[in-house]
Amino acid sequence: MIDLNGEWKFQGDTQSSLISVSGSTFKVDNSAMRIFNIGDWAGVIIDASTVAIIDDSGRTVTGKLEPPDTMRLIWPSGDATFWKKFEKPRNWEADLDGFWDAMGNRPPEGPGPTARISVSGKSITINMSQYSRPDAHGSIIDNFTFSVNFPDDPTPAYTATLDRGRISWSNGTIWKQVFFEG
């Protein structure tokens, strides 16, 4: 049986859901998927290859576990969606590349400035031009942590962890990944 505990990504999406198992039941925390108006789900393990999930609208969805790391959900409409368990080592490029902003800093009239993070191998560049700051540079430390030097900041370097679309910096700042329609 596949270990359900951990992060799962919907059909290659950058956002993920977190599954936590307790006995024969489990919870699907979809807090990182709120952009899609998806609530949390509850589930039950039926056998070594089958699960049932009750989604936030009350629909029961059958799930087939396909080793080594796939869960195929069959919705009442007959449509199938595929979820892949988050694999280690982390694909930093897929998880970190993109636009980021400090949580709660979005102006009420719409999108504000963002930082653009790019990853190449173990090197990280953060384009801070929308904040009128020079580019920051850093590197990946391990599967969860990276370090960045902001040249206009007196602190030599900040460390950060990445967890489900949020960057938590060593100075207490939180950045959230931003997606643009278009």
N, C-alpha and C. Protein backbone atom coordinates (compact mmCIF):
# COMPACT_ATOMS: atom_id res chain seq x y z
N MET A 1 0.83 -1.18 0.00
CA MET A 1 0.00 0.00 0.00
C MET A 1 0.88 1.25 0.00
N ILE A 2 0.43 2.27 -0.70
CA ILE A 2 1.13 3.55 -0.73
C ILE A 2 0.93 4.26 0.60
N ASP A 3 1.98 4.83 1.14
CA ASP A 3 1.87 5.64 2.34
C ASP A 3 1.20 6.95 1.95
N LEU A 4 0.00 7.19 2.43
CA LEU A 4 -0.74 8.39 2.06
C LEU A 4 -0.23 9.64 2.75
N ASN A 5 0.43 9.51 3.90
CA ASN A 5 0.91 10.68 4.63
C ASN A 5 1.85 11.50 3.77
N GLY A 6 1.60 12.81 3.72
CA GLY A 6 2.51 13.70 3.00
C GLY A 6 1.80 14.59 2.01
N GLU A 7 2.62 15.26 1.20
CA GLU A 7 2.11 16.19 0.20
C GLU A 7 1.74 15.47 -1.09
N TRP A 8 0.62 15.88 -1.68
CA TRP A 8 0.15 15.35 -2.96
C TRP A 8 -0.15 16.51 -3.88
N LYS A 9 0.26 16.38 -5.13
CA LYS A 9 0.04 17.42 -6.13
C LYS A 9 -0.99 16.94 -7.14
N PHE A 10 -1.92 17.81 -7.47
CA PHE A 10 -2.99 17.52 -8.42
C PHE A 10 -2.47 17.68 -9.84
N GLN A 11 -2.38 16.58 -10.57
CA GLN A 11 -2.04 16.58 -12.00
C GLN A 11 -0.90 17.53 -12.35
N GLY A 12 0.16 17.53 -11.58
CA GLY A 12 1.34 18.33 -11.88
C GLY A 12 1.24 19.78 -11.47
N ASP A 13 0.19 20.17 -10.75
CA ASP A 13 0.01 21.55 -10.31
C ASP A 13 1.13 21.93 -9.35
N THR A 14 1.38 23.22 -9.21
CA THR A 14 2.39 23.67 -8.25
C THR A 14 1.85 23.69 -6.83
N GLN A 15 0.53 23.77 -6.68
CA GLN A 15 -0.08 23.74 -5.36
C GLN A 15 -0.25 22.28 -4.92
N SER A 16 -0.33 22.06 -3.64
CA SER A 16 -0.45 20.69 -3.17
C SER A 16 -1.42 20.60 -2.00
N SER A 17 -1.84 19.39 -1.74
CA SER A 17 -2.68 19.08 -0.59
C SER A 17 -1.87 18.21 0.35
N LEU A 18 -2.18 18.29 1.63
CA LEU A 18 -1.45 17.53 2.63
C LEU A 18 -2.39 16.48 3.21
N ILE A 19 -1.99 15.22 3.12
CA ILE A 19 -2.80 14.13 3.65
C ILE A 19 -2.17 13.64 4.95
N SER A 20 -3.00 13.50 5.98
CA SER A 20 -2.54 12.93 7.25
C SER A 20 -3.49 11.81 7.64
N VAL A 21 -2.91 10.64 7.91
CA VAL A 21 -3.66 9.42 8.20
C VAL A 21 -3.73 9.19 9.70
N SER A 22 -4.89 8.75 10.16
CA SER A 22 -5.08 8.35 11.55
C SER A 22 -5.91 7.06 11.52
N GLY A 23 -5.24 5.93 11.73
CA GLY A 23 -5.92 4.63 11.65
C GLY A 23 -6.38 4.37 10.24
N SER A 24 -7.68 4.14 10.06
CA SER A 24 -8.20 3.87 8.71
C SER A 24 -8.86 5.10 8.10
N THR A 25 -8.71 6.25 8.75
CA THR A 25 -9.26 7.49 8.19
C THR A 25 -8.12 8.46 7.89
N PHE A 26 -8.42 9.46 7.08
CA PHE A 26 -7.42 10.47 6.79
C PHE A 26 -8.09 11.80 6.50
N LYS A 27 -7.31 12.86 6.61
CA LYS A 27 -7.76 14.22 6.31
C LYS A 27 -6.95 14.73 5.14
N VAL A 28 -7.62 15.42 4.22
CA VAL A 28 -6.94 16.07 3.11
C VAL A 28 -7.03 17.58 3.36
N ASP A 29 -5.89 18.16 3.73
CA ASP A 29 -5.80 19.60 3.99
C ASP A 29 -5.54 20.30 2.67
N ASN A 30 -6.53 21.01 2.17
CA ASN A 30 -6.43 21.70 0.89
C ASN A 30 -6.17 23.20 1.06
N SER A 31 -5.60 23.61 2.18
CA SER A 31 -5.42 25.04 2.44
C SER A 31 -4.59 25.73 1.36
N ALA A 32 -3.65 25.02 0.75
CA ALA A 32 -2.84 25.62 -0.32
C ALA A 32 -3.64 25.72 -1.62
N MET A 33 -4.80 25.07 -1.69
CA MET A 33 -5.62 25.08 -2.89
C MET A 33 -6.78 26.08 -2.78
N ARG A 34 -6.78 26.93 -1.77
CA ARG A 34 -7.89 27.85 -1.55
C ARG A 34 -8.13 28.77 -2.76
N ILE A 35 -7.07 29.01 -3.54
CA ILE A 35 -7.22 29.83 -4.73
C ILE A 35 -8.28 29.25 -5.67
N PHE A 36 -8.50 27.92 -5.57
CA PHE A 36 -9.48 27.25 -6.41
C PHE A 36 -10.80 27.02 -5.65
N ASN A 37 -10.95 27.65 -4.48
CA ASN A 37 -12.15 27.49 -3.65
C ASN A 37 -12.41 26.04 -3.27
N ILE A 38 -11.37 25.33 -2.93
CA ILE A 38 -11.48 23.93 -2.51
C ILE A 38 -11.33 23.87 -1.00
N GLY A 39 -12.29 23.23 -0.33
CA GLY A 39 -12.21 23.06 1.12
C GLY A 39 -11.49 21.77 1.48
N ASP A 40 -11.36 21.50 2.77
CA ASP A 40 -10.72 20.27 3.22
C ASP A 40 -11.66 19.08 3.01
N TRP A 41 -11.07 17.90 2.90
CA TRP A 41 -11.82 16.67 2.66
C TRP A 41 -11.53 15.67 3.77
N ALA A 42 -12.42 14.69 3.91
CA ALA A 42 -12.21 13.57 4.83
C ALA A 42 -12.16 12.30 3.99
N GLY A 43 -11.46 11.29 4.48
CA GLY A 43 -11.37 10.06 3.71
C GLY A 43 -11.26 8.84 4.60
N VAL A 44 -11.48 7.70 3.97
CA VAL A 44 -11.36 6.42 4.66
C VAL A 44 -10.59 5.46 3.75
N ILE A 45 -9.72 4.68 4.37
CA ILE A 45 -8.97 3.65 3.63
C ILE A 45 -9.83 2.40 3.60
N ILE A 46 -10.21 1.97 2.40
CA ILE A 46 -11.07 0.80 2.25
C ILE A 46 -10.24 -0.48 2.26
N ASP A 47 -9.19 -0.49 1.45
CA ASP A 47 -8.26 -1.62 1.44
C ASP A 47 -6.91 -1.11 0.94
N ALA A 48 -5.98 -2.00 0.66
CA ALA A 48 -4.62 -1.61 0.30
C ALA A 48 -4.53 -0.80 -0.99
N SER A 49 -5.57 -0.82 -1.82
CA SER A 49 -5.50 -0.08 -3.07
C SER A 49 -6.69 0.85 -3.31
N THR A 50 -7.58 0.99 -2.32
CA THR A 50 -8.79 1.79 -2.53
C THR A 50 -9.04 2.71 -1.34
N VAL A 51 -9.40 3.95 -1.66
CA VAL A 51 -9.80 4.91 -0.65
C VAL A 51 -11.12 5.55 -1.09
N ALA A 52 -11.82 6.12 -0.14
CA ALA A 52 -13.01 6.92 -0.45
C ALA A 52 -12.82 8.27 0.20
N ILE A 53 -13.15 9.32 -0.54
CA ILE A 53 -13.00 10.69 -0.06
C ILE A 53 -14.36 11.37 -0.14
N ILE A 54 -14.67 12.12 0.90
CA ILE A 54 -15.86 12.96 0.86
C ILE A 54 -15.35 14.39 0.69
N ASP A 55 -15.68 15.00 -0.47
CA ASP A 55 -15.17 16.34 -0.74
C ASP A 55 -15.97 17.38 0.02
N ASP A 56 -15.57 18.64 -0.12
CA ASP A 56 -16.18 19.72 0.66
C ASP A 56 -17.63 20.00 0.28
N SER A 57 -18.12 19.42 -0.83
CA SER A 57 -19.53 19.59 -1.19
C SER A 57 -20.36 18.37 -0.80
N GLY A 58 -19.72 17.37 -0.16
CA GLY A 58 -20.44 16.18 0.29
C GLY A 58 -20.44 15.02 -0.69
N ARG A 59 -19.79 15.20 -1.84
CA ARG A 59 -19.73 14.11 -2.81
C ARG A 59 -18.73 13.06 -2.35
N THR A 60 -19.05 11.79 -2.60
CA THR A 60 -18.11 10.71 -2.29
C THR A 60 -17.35 10.38 -3.57
N VAL A 61 -16.05 10.33 -3.44
CA VAL A 61 -15.16 10.08 -4.56
C VAL A 61 -14.37 8.82 -4.26
N THR A 62 -14.29 7.91 -5.22
CA THR A 62 -13.50 6.69 -5.07
C THR A 62 -12.09 6.96 -5.54
N GLY A 63 -11.13 6.49 -4.78
CA GLY A 63 -9.73 6.65 -5.16
C GLY A 63 -9.04 5.32 -5.29
N LYS A 64 -8.29 5.16 -6.36
CA LYS A 64 -7.48 3.96 -6.58
C LYS A 64 -6.02 4.33 -6.40
N LEU A 65 -5.32 3.59 -5.56
CA LEU A 65 -3.90 3.83 -5.33
C LEU A 65 -3.11 3.01 -6.32
N GLU A 66 -2.22 3.67 -7.04
CA GLU A 66 -1.43 3.01 -8.07
C GLU A 66 0.05 3.18 -7.75
N PRO A 67 0.68 2.10 -7.25
CA PRO A 67 2.09 2.20 -6.87
C PRO A 67 2.94 2.67 -8.06
N PRO A 68 4.02 3.41 -7.81
CA PRO A 68 4.53 3.65 -6.47
C PRO A 68 3.98 4.91 -5.80
N ASP A 69 3.35 5.85 -6.56
CA ASP A 69 3.08 7.15 -5.93
C ASP A 69 1.88 7.90 -6.54
N THR A 70 0.90 7.19 -7.08
CA THR A 70 -0.22 7.86 -7.74
C THR A 70 -1.54 7.47 -7.10
N MET A 71 -2.44 8.44 -6.99
CA MET A 71 -3.80 8.19 -6.53
C MET A 71 -4.72 8.70 -7.65
N ARG A 72 -5.54 7.80 -8.19
CA ARG A 72 -6.48 8.18 -9.25
C ARG A 72 -7.85 8.31 -8.61
N LEU A 73 -8.41 9.51 -8.66
CA LEU A 73 -9.73 9.74 -8.07
C LEU A 73 -10.78 9.70 -9.18
N ILE A 74 -11.80 8.90 -8.97
CA ILE A 74 -12.89 8.79 -9.93
C ILE A 74 -14.08 9.56 -9.36
N TRP A 75 -14.43 10.68 -9.97
CA TRP A 75 -15.50 11.55 -9.48
C TRP A 75 -16.86 10.99 -9.92
N PRO A 76 -17.95 11.38 -9.22
CA PRO A 76 -19.29 10.90 -9.56
C PRO A 76 -19.66 11.12 -11.03
N SER A 77 -19.10 12.14 -11.66
CA SER A 77 -19.36 12.41 -13.08
C SER A 77 -18.68 11.39 -13.99
N GLY A 78 -17.78 10.58 -13.42
CA GLY A 78 -17.02 9.63 -14.21
C GLY A 78 -15.65 10.16 -14.60
N ASP A 79 -15.42 11.46 -14.39
CA ASP A 79 -14.12 12.05 -14.69
C ASP A 79 -13.08 11.51 -13.72
N ALA A 80 -11.88 11.37 -14.20
CA ALA A 80 -10.78 10.91 -13.35
C ALA A 80 -9.75 12.03 -13.22
N THR A 81 -9.22 12.20 -12.01
CA THR A 81 -8.10 13.12 -11.80
C THR A 81 -6.98 12.33 -11.15
N PHE A 82 -5.77 12.77 -11.40
CA PHE A 82 -4.60 12.06 -10.89
C PHE A 82 -3.85 12.95 -9.92
N TRP A 83 -3.46 12.35 -8.81
CA TRP A 83 -2.67 13.03 -7.79
C TRP A 83 -1.37 12.27 -7.65
N LYS A 84 -0.25 13.01 -7.63
CA LYS A 84 1.06 12.38 -7.45
C LYS A 84 1.59 12.78 -6.09
N LYS A 85 2.14 11.80 -5.39
CA LYS A 85 2.76 12.11 -4.10
C LYS A 85 4.02 12.92 -4.36
N PHE A 86 4.22 13.92 -3.52
CA PHE A 86 5.39 14.78 -3.64
C PHE A 86 6.64 13.93 -3.46
N GLU A 87 7.50 13.96 -4.45
CA GLU A 87 8.68 13.11 -4.44
C GLU A 87 9.89 13.88 -3.95
N LYS A 88 10.75 13.19 -3.25
CA LYS A 88 12.01 13.75 -2.81
C LYS A 88 13.09 13.24 -3.76
N PRO A 89 14.13 13.96 -4.09
CA PRO A 89 14.35 15.32 -3.63
C PRO A 89 13.41 16.31 -4.31
N ARG A 90 13.21 17.39 -3.64
CA ARG A 90 12.31 18.43 -4.11
C ARG A 90 12.78 18.97 -5.46
N ASN A 91 11.83 19.24 -6.33
CA ASN A 91 12.12 19.91 -7.59
C ASN A 91 12.02 21.41 -7.32
N TRP A 92 13.12 21.99 -6.88
CA TRP A 92 13.12 23.39 -6.47
C TRP A 92 12.66 24.30 -7.60
N GLU A 93 13.06 23.98 -8.83
CA GLU A 93 12.68 24.83 -9.95
C GLU A 93 11.16 24.92 -10.08
N ALA A 94 10.49 23.77 -10.00
CA ALA A 94 9.03 23.75 -10.13
C ALA A 94 8.35 24.37 -8.92
N ASP A 95 8.90 24.20 -7.72
CA ASP A 95 8.25 24.66 -6.50
C ASP A 95 8.55 26.12 -6.16
N LEU A 96 9.70 26.63 -6.56
CA LEU A 96 10.13 27.96 -6.13
C LEU A 96 10.07 29.00 -7.25
N ASP A 97 10.29 28.57 -8.49
CA ASP A 97 10.22 29.51 -9.62
C ASP A 97 8.86 30.19 -9.66
N GLY A 98 8.85 31.49 -9.81
CA GLY A 98 7.59 32.19 -9.94
C GLY A 98 7.58 33.52 -9.23
N PHE A 99 6.37 34.05 -9.05
CA PHE A 99 6.17 35.36 -8.44
C PHE A 99 5.74 35.19 -6.99
N TRP A 100 6.30 36.04 -6.11
CA TRP A 100 6.06 35.92 -4.67
C TRP A 100 5.81 37.30 -4.08
N ASP A 101 4.99 37.35 -3.03
CA ASP A 101 4.72 38.60 -2.33
C ASP A 101 4.51 38.30 -0.85
N ALA A 102 4.79 39.31 -0.03
CA ALA A 102 4.57 39.16 1.40
C ALA A 102 3.08 39.03 1.66
N MET A 103 2.68 38.05 2.46
CA MET A 103 1.26 37.84 2.75
C MET A 103 0.66 39.09 3.38
N GLY A 104 -0.54 39.44 2.94
CA GLY A 104 -1.22 40.58 3.50
C GLY A 104 -0.78 41.92 2.93
N ASN A 105 0.21 41.90 2.04
CA ASN A 105 0.70 43.15 1.46
C ASN A 105 0.01 43.52 0.16
N ARG A 106 -0.98 42.76 -0.25
CA ARG A 106 -1.66 43.04 -1.50
C ARG A 106 -2.60 44.23 -1.31
N PRO A 107 -2.50 45.27 -2.13
CA PRO A 107 -3.40 46.41 -1.98
C PRO A 107 -4.83 46.03 -2.36
N PRO A 108 -5.84 46.68 -1.73
CA PRO A 108 -7.23 46.32 -1.99
C PRO A 108 -7.65 46.56 -3.44
N GLU A 109 -6.97 47.47 -4.14
CA GLU A 109 -7.37 47.76 -5.51
C GLU A 109 -6.84 46.75 -6.52
N GLY A 110 -6.08 45.77 -6.07
CA GLY A 110 -5.61 44.74 -6.99
C GLY A 110 -4.17 44.39 -6.76
N PRO A 111 -3.58 43.65 -7.70
CA PRO A 111 -2.21 43.17 -7.54
C PRO A 111 -1.22 44.30 -7.30
N GLY A 112 -0.29 44.03 -6.43
CA GLY A 112 0.77 44.97 -6.14
C GLY A 112 2.09 44.41 -6.65
N PRO A 113 3.20 44.92 -6.15
CA PRO A 113 4.50 44.45 -6.61
C PRO A 113 4.77 43.01 -6.17
N THR A 114 5.60 42.34 -6.94
CA THR A 114 6.00 40.97 -6.62
C THR A 114 7.49 40.83 -6.83
N ALA A 115 8.05 39.83 -6.18
CA ALA A 115 9.44 39.42 -6.42
C ALA A 115 9.39 38.22 -7.37
N ARG A 116 10.30 38.15 -8.32
CA ARG A 116 10.35 37.04 -9.27
C ARG A 116 11.53 36.17 -8.91
N ILE A 117 11.24 34.92 -8.48
CA ILE A 117 12.30 33.99 -8.10
C ILE A 117 12.58 33.05 -9.27
N SER A 118 13.86 32.88 -9.56
CA SER A 118 14.32 31.95 -10.59
C SER A 118 15.32 30.99 -9.97
N VAL A 119 15.24 29.73 -10.35
CA VAL A 119 16.14 28.71 -9.85
C VAL A 119 16.87 28.07 -11.03
N SER A 120 18.17 27.91 -10.88
CA SER A 120 18.98 27.21 -11.87
C SER A 120 19.95 26.31 -11.10
N GLY A 121 19.70 25.01 -11.16
CA GLY A 121 20.51 24.09 -10.36
C GLY A 121 20.28 24.37 -8.89
N LYS A 122 21.36 24.72 -8.16
CA LYS A 122 21.23 25.06 -6.75
C LYS A 122 21.30 26.57 -6.50
N SER A 123 21.33 27.35 -7.58
CA SER A 123 21.42 28.81 -7.46
C SER A 123 20.04 29.44 -7.56
N ILE A 124 19.82 30.47 -6.73
CA ILE A 124 18.56 31.19 -6.69
C ILE A 124 18.83 32.66 -6.96
N THR A 125 18.00 33.27 -7.81
CA THR A 125 18.03 34.70 -8.06
C THR A 125 16.64 35.25 -7.79
N ILE A 126 16.58 36.36 -7.04
CA ILE A 126 15.30 37.01 -6.77
C ILE A 126 15.35 38.41 -7.36
N ASN A 127 14.52 38.63 -8.39
CA ASN A 127 14.42 39.94 -9.02
C ASN A 127 13.51 40.79 -8.14
N MET A 128 14.08 41.81 -7.52
CA MET A 128 13.36 42.67 -6.59
C MET A 128 13.06 44.04 -7.21
N SER A 129 13.13 44.16 -8.54
CA SER A 129 13.00 45.46 -9.20
C SER A 129 11.65 46.13 -8.94
N GLN A 130 10.58 45.35 -8.75
CA GLN A 130 9.28 45.97 -8.48
C GLN A 130 9.23 46.61 -7.08
N TYR A 131 10.21 46.30 -6.25
CA TYR A 131 10.32 46.92 -4.93
C TYR A 131 11.44 47.97 -4.91
N SER A 132 11.98 48.28 -6.10
CA SER A 132 13.10 49.23 -6.23
C SER A 132 14.30 48.78 -5.42
N ARG A 133 14.57 47.48 -5.45
CA ARG A 133 15.71 46.91 -4.74
C ARG A 133 16.56 46.11 -5.73
N PRO A 134 17.84 45.93 -5.44
CA PRO A 134 18.68 45.12 -6.33
C PRO A 134 18.33 43.63 -6.22
N ASP A 135 18.73 42.89 -7.25
CA ASP A 135 18.52 41.44 -7.23
C ASP A 135 19.22 40.82 -6.03
N ALA A 136 18.57 39.80 -5.46
CA ALA A 136 19.14 39.03 -4.37
C ALA A 136 19.59 37.68 -4.93
N HIS A 137 20.60 37.09 -4.32
CA HIS A 137 21.15 35.82 -4.81
C HIS A 137 21.35 34.86 -3.64
N GLY A 138 21.16 33.58 -3.92
CA GLY A 138 21.33 32.59 -2.87
C GLY A 138 21.50 31.20 -3.43
N SER A 139 21.36 30.23 -2.53
CA SER A 139 21.53 28.84 -2.94
C SER A 139 20.69 27.91 -2.07
N ILE A 140 20.44 26.75 -2.63
CA ILE A 140 19.68 25.71 -1.94
C ILE A 140 20.61 25.02 -0.95
N ILE A 141 20.13 24.86 0.29
CA ILE A 141 20.92 24.21 1.33
C ILE A 141 20.58 22.72 1.41
N ASP A 142 19.29 22.42 1.51
CA ASP A 142 18.84 21.03 1.58
C ASP A 142 17.45 20.94 0.98
N ASN A 143 16.76 19.87 1.23
CA ASN A 143 15.46 19.62 0.60
C ASN A 143 14.36 20.59 1.05
N PHE A 144 14.59 21.32 2.14
CA PHE A 144 13.56 22.21 2.65
C PHE A 144 14.02 23.65 2.83
N THR A 145 15.33 23.89 2.78
CA THR A 145 15.89 25.17 3.18
C THR A 145 16.76 25.77 2.09
N PHE A 146 16.72 27.10 1.99
CA PHE A 146 17.63 27.80 1.11
C PHE A 146 18.09 29.08 1.80
N SER A 147 19.12 29.70 1.29
CA SER A 147 19.70 30.89 1.88
C SER A 147 19.83 31.96 0.79
N VAL A 148 19.54 33.22 1.15
CA VAL A 148 19.59 34.31 0.19
C VAL A 148 20.24 35.53 0.81
N ASN A 149 21.08 36.22 0.02
CA ASN A 149 21.70 37.47 0.42
C ASN A 149 21.01 38.61 -0.34
N PHE A 150 20.42 39.54 0.42
CA PHE A 150 19.84 40.74 -0.16
C PHE A 150 20.90 41.84 -0.02
N PRO A 151 21.52 42.28 -1.13
CA PRO A 151 22.69 43.16 -1.02
C PRO A 151 22.42 44.51 -0.36
N ASP A 152 21.17 44.97 -0.33
CA ASP A 152 20.87 46.25 0.30
C ASP A 152 20.43 46.11 1.75
N ASP A 153 20.55 44.90 2.29
CA ASP A 153 20.14 44.63 3.67
C ASP A 153 21.40 44.37 4.51
N PRO A 154 21.48 44.94 5.72
CA PRO A 154 22.69 44.74 6.54
C PRO A 154 22.88 43.30 7.03
N THR A 155 21.81 42.51 7.07
CA THR A 155 21.95 41.11 7.47
C THR A 155 22.67 40.36 6.35
N PRO A 156 23.74 39.61 6.68
CA PRO A 156 24.52 38.94 5.63
C PRO A 156 23.69 38.01 4.75
N ALA A 157 22.84 37.20 5.35
CA ALA A 157 22.01 36.29 4.56
C ALA A 157 20.82 35.85 5.41
N TYR A 158 19.74 35.58 4.74
CA TYR A 158 18.56 35.04 5.40
C TYR A 158 18.37 33.61 4.95
N THR A 159 17.95 32.76 5.87
CA THR A 159 17.57 31.40 5.48
C THR A 159 16.05 31.37 5.38
N ALA A 160 15.55 30.42 4.61
CA ALA A 160 14.12 30.31 4.41
C ALA A 160 13.74 28.86 4.18
N THR A 161 12.50 28.54 4.53
CA THR A 161 11.96 27.23 4.22
C THR A 161 10.76 27.42 3.30
N LEU A 162 10.56 26.44 2.45
CA LEU A 162 9.45 26.46 1.51
C LEU A 162 8.48 25.35 1.89
N ASP A 163 7.21 25.72 2.07
CA ASP A 163 6.19 24.74 2.43
C ASP A 163 4.88 25.11 1.76
N ARG A 164 4.50 24.34 0.75
CA ARG A 164 3.20 24.45 0.11
C ARG A 164 2.82 25.87 -0.29
N GLY A 165 3.66 26.49 -1.11
CA GLY A 165 3.33 27.81 -1.63
C GLY A 165 3.61 28.96 -0.70
N ARG A 166 4.35 28.71 0.39
CA ARG A 166 4.72 29.76 1.33
C ARG A 166 6.20 29.67 1.65
N ILE A 167 6.84 30.82 1.66
CA ILE A 167 8.24 30.91 2.08
C ILE A 167 8.25 31.55 3.46
N SER A 168 8.87 30.88 4.43
CA SER A 168 9.04 31.43 5.78
C SER A 168 10.50 31.82 5.95
N TRP A 169 10.75 33.12 6.07
CA TRP A 169 12.11 33.65 6.20
C TRP A 169 12.55 33.67 7.65
N SER A 170 13.87 33.64 7.86
CA SER A 170 14.44 33.61 9.21
C SER A 170 14.16 34.88 10.00
N ASN A 171 13.75 35.97 9.35
CA ASN A 171 13.40 37.20 10.07
C ASN A 171 11.91 37.26 10.41
N GLY A 172 11.17 36.17 10.15
CA GLY A 172 9.76 36.10 10.48
C GLY A 172 8.82 36.49 9.35
N THR A 173 9.35 36.99 8.25
CA THR A 173 8.53 37.38 7.11
C THR A 173 8.01 36.14 6.39
N ILE A 174 6.78 36.22 5.91
CA ILE A 174 6.18 35.14 5.12
C ILE A 174 5.90 35.68 3.72
N TRP A 175 6.30 34.95 2.71
CA TRP A 175 5.94 35.27 1.32
C TRP A 175 5.00 34.20 0.83
N LYS A 176 4.06 34.61 0.00
CA LYS A 176 3.12 33.67 -0.60
C LYS A 176 3.26 33.73 -2.11
N GLN A 177 3.17 32.55 -2.74
CA GLN A 177 3.26 32.50 -4.19
C GLN A 177 2.03 33.16 -4.81
N VAL A 178 2.26 33.92 -5.86
CA VAL A 178 1.21 34.68 -6.54
C VAL A 178 1.05 34.12 -7.94
N PHE A 179 -0.19 33.91 -8.35
CA PHE A 179 -0.48 33.43 -9.70
C PHE A 179 -1.29 34.48 -10.42
N PHE A 180 -0.95 34.74 -11.66
CA PHE A 180 -1.65 35.73 -12.46
C PHE A 180 -2.47 35.07 -13.53
N GLU A 181 -3.68 35.60 -13.76
CA GLU A 181 -4.52 35.09 -14.83
C GLU A 181 -4.08 35.76 -16.12
N GLY A 182 -4.23 35.05 -17.19
CA GLY A 182 -3.88 35.71 -18.43
C GLY A 182 -3.57 34.79 -19.53
